[in-house]
Protein backbone atom coordinates (compact mmCIF):
# COMPACT_ATOMS: atom_id res chain seq x y z
CA MET A 1 -1.56 18.71 -4.59
CA ALA A 2 1.88 18.06 -3.12
CA VAL A 3 0.83 14.78 -1.50
CA PHE A 4 -0.94 13.64 -4.67
CA ASP A 5 2.23 14.42 -6.62
CA LYS A 6 4.36 12.43 -4.18
CA VAL A 7 2.04 9.44 -4.45
CA VAL A 8 1.49 9.46 -8.22
CA ARG A 9 4.72 10.83 -9.70
CA GLY A 10 7.04 10.32 -6.77
CA GLY A 11 6.12 6.67 -6.22
CA ALA A 12 5.41 6.98 -2.51
CA TYR A 13 3.45 3.69 -2.57
CA ARG A 14 5.72 1.68 -4.86
CA ALA A 15 6.58 -0.66 -1.98
CA LEU A 16 2.86 -1.42 -1.69
CA GLY A 17 2.51 -2.25 -5.39
CA MET A 18 1.40 1.07 -6.91
CA PRO A 19 3.46 1.99 -9.95
CA GLN A 20 5.29 5.29 -10.22
CA PHE A 21 4.06 7.61 -12.98
CA ASP A 22 7.08 9.91 -13.11
CA TYR A 23 6.54 10.66 -16.81
CA LEU A 24 3.30 12.61 -16.21
CA THR A 25 3.45 16.36 -16.68
CA GLU A 26 2.14 18.81 -14.09
CA GLN A 27 -0.89 19.50 -16.33
CA GLN A 28 -1.65 15.80 -16.68
CA LEU A 29 -1.36 15.34 -12.94
CA GLN A 30 -3.77 18.23 -12.33
CA SER A 31 -6.22 16.80 -14.88
CA ILE A 32 -6.16 13.39 -13.22
CA GLN A 33 -6.72 14.91 -9.79
CA ALA A 34 -9.60 17.04 -11.11
CA TYR A 35 -11.18 13.92 -12.65
CA ILE A 36 -10.90 11.99 -9.38
CA VAL A 37 -12.41 14.84 -7.36
CA ASN A 38 -15.23 15.27 -9.90
CA GLN A 39 -16.04 11.55 -9.81
CA ALA A 40 -16.06 11.57 -6.02
CA TRP A 41 -18.55 14.46 -5.95
CA THR A 42 -20.72 12.79 -8.61
CA ASP A 43 -20.82 9.57 -6.59
CA PHE A 44 -21.48 11.43 -3.34
CA GLU A 45 -24.39 13.36 -4.88
CA ALA A 46 -25.88 10.15 -6.30
CA GLN A 47 -25.55 8.48 -2.91
CA GLN A 48 -27.27 11.42 -1.20
CA ALA A 49 -30.09 11.41 -3.76
CA ALA A 50 -30.66 7.68 -3.27
CA ALA A 51 -30.77 8.11 0.50
CA ARG A 52 -33.54 10.73 0.18
CA LYS A 53 -35.83 8.32 -1.69
C-alpha cells in the first residue's frame, strides 16, 4: 500500500504526466486499490477461462 500511496497521493509519477491525487483520503485510496485488484483478478479469470476453450 505504501508504494501505491506514493504513486497516487504522493505524485511519484508527476514528471511522467500522471496527476497527483493528494486530496484522496486513506479510505478512498484503499477503495481504489481494492477496485483495481478486483478488476485484475476478474480479467485474469476471464482470460484463463477463454484459454481453456
